[in-house]
Amino acid sequence: MFTKVTLLAALAAAANALTISTPASLVECQPVQLSWTDGTAPYYPSIIPGGEASSAALVTFDTQSATTYTWTVNLASGTNV
């Protein structure tokens, strides 16, 4: 299990602000559902280092039109995101 989870899923939307539902925890090699509301598709979700909003993404996902995405966590346990 990740020791610190401050999930900052960087989702860029065309117009409106987003509300991101942050999972309570992440477990390496296990699926987790990422979700968000508001905004306007397309969405560009990514996982960035915790506390480093301007850093390069650790993981990027394909462009999404839906407001949920199931991700099988592919980061090492203990990674702060």
Protein backbone atom coordinates (compact mmCIF):
# COMPACT_ATOMS: atom_id res chain seq x y z
CA MET A 1 0.00 0.00 0.00
CA PHE A 2 1.17 3.52 -0.65
CA THR A 3 2.26 5.23 2.55
CA LYS A 4 1.17 8.72 1.54
CA VAL A 5 -1.68 9.28 -0.83
CA THR A 6 -2.42 12.75 -1.96
CA LEU A 7 -3.67 11.91 -5.38
CA LEU A 8 -3.40 14.85 -7.68
CA ALA A 9 -4.94 13.66 -10.87
CA ALA A 10 -4.22 16.45 -13.29
CA LEU A 11 -7.28 16.66 -15.48
CA ALA A 12 -7.30 19.48 -17.99
CA ALA A 13 -10.74 20.39 -19.26
CA ALA A 14 -11.82 22.82 -21.91
CA ALA A 15 -13.90 25.23 -19.83
CA ASN A 16 -15.15 24.56 -16.30
CA ALA A 17 -13.36 23.73 -13.07
CA LEU A 18 -13.26 20.07 -12.08
CA THR A 19 -14.03 18.29 -8.85
CA ILE A 20 -11.74 15.29 -8.44
CA SER A 21 -12.67 12.38 -6.17
CA THR A 22 -9.44 11.26 -4.53
CA PRO A 23 -9.15 7.55 -3.65
CA ALA A 24 -8.36 6.89 0.02
CA SER A 25 -5.45 4.64 -0.89
CA LEU A 26 -3.66 2.99 -3.78
CA VAL A 27 -2.31 -0.56 -3.85
CA GLU A 28 0.39 -1.53 -6.35
CA CYS A 29 -0.94 -3.85 -9.11
CA GLN A 30 -4.57 -3.36 -7.98
CA PRO A 31 -7.28 -1.45 -9.84
CA VAL A 32 -8.59 1.85 -8.51
CA GLN A 33 -11.36 3.94 -9.96
CA LEU A 34 -10.50 7.57 -10.64
CA SER A 35 -13.47 9.87 -11.05
CA TRP A 36 -14.27 13.53 -11.53
CA THR A 37 -17.25 15.78 -12.10
CA ASP A 38 -17.89 19.05 -13.86
CA GLY A 39 -15.64 20.31 -16.60
CA THR A 40 -16.08 19.57 -20.26
CA ALA A 41 -14.70 16.60 -22.19
CA PRO A 42 -12.19 15.76 -23.47
CA TYR A 43 -10.28 15.12 -20.24
CA TYR A 44 -6.53 14.47 -20.03
CA PRO A 45 -5.95 12.56 -16.78
CA SER A 46 -2.50 11.98 -15.35
CA ILE A 47 -0.84 11.12 -12.04
CA ILE A 48 1.73 13.59 -10.74
CA PRO A 49 4.14 13.55 -7.78
CA GLY A 50 2.48 14.55 -4.49
CA GLY A 51 2.88 18.22 -3.62
CA GLU A 52 4.42 19.02 -6.99
CA ALA A 53 1.57 20.31 -9.12
CA SER A 54 3.88 21.65 -11.84
CA SER A 55 5.99 18.49 -12.15
CA ALA A 56 5.98 16.14 -15.11
CA ALA A 57 3.43 13.33 -14.91
CA LEU A 58 4.45 9.97 -13.51
CA VAL A 59 1.63 8.32 -15.47
CA THR A 60 -0.50 9.68 -18.30
CA PHE A 61 -3.68 8.14 -19.65
CA ASP A 62 -5.43 8.30 -23.00
CA THR A 63 -7.82 11.19 -23.54
CA GLN A 64 -11.13 10.45 -21.85
CA SER A 65 -14.69 11.49 -22.65
CA ALA A 66 -16.19 9.75 -19.59
CA THR A 67 -15.85 10.98 -16.00
CA THR A 68 -14.38 7.75 -14.61
CA TYR A 69 -11.31 5.69 -15.39
CA THR A 70 -10.14 2.44 -13.85
CA TRP A 71 -6.37 2.37 -13.43
CA THR A 72 -4.33 -0.64 -12.42
CA VAL A 73 -1.73 1.02 -10.23
CA ASN A 74 1.68 0.63 -11.88
CA LEU A 75 3.76 2.68 -9.46
CA ALA A 76 5.94 1.25 -6.71
CA SER A 77 4.53 1.09 -3.21
CA GLY A 78 5.54 4.17 -1.22
CA THR A 79 5.43 6.53 -4.20
CA ASN A 80 3.93 9.85 -3.10
CA VAL A 81 1.36 10.91 -5.67
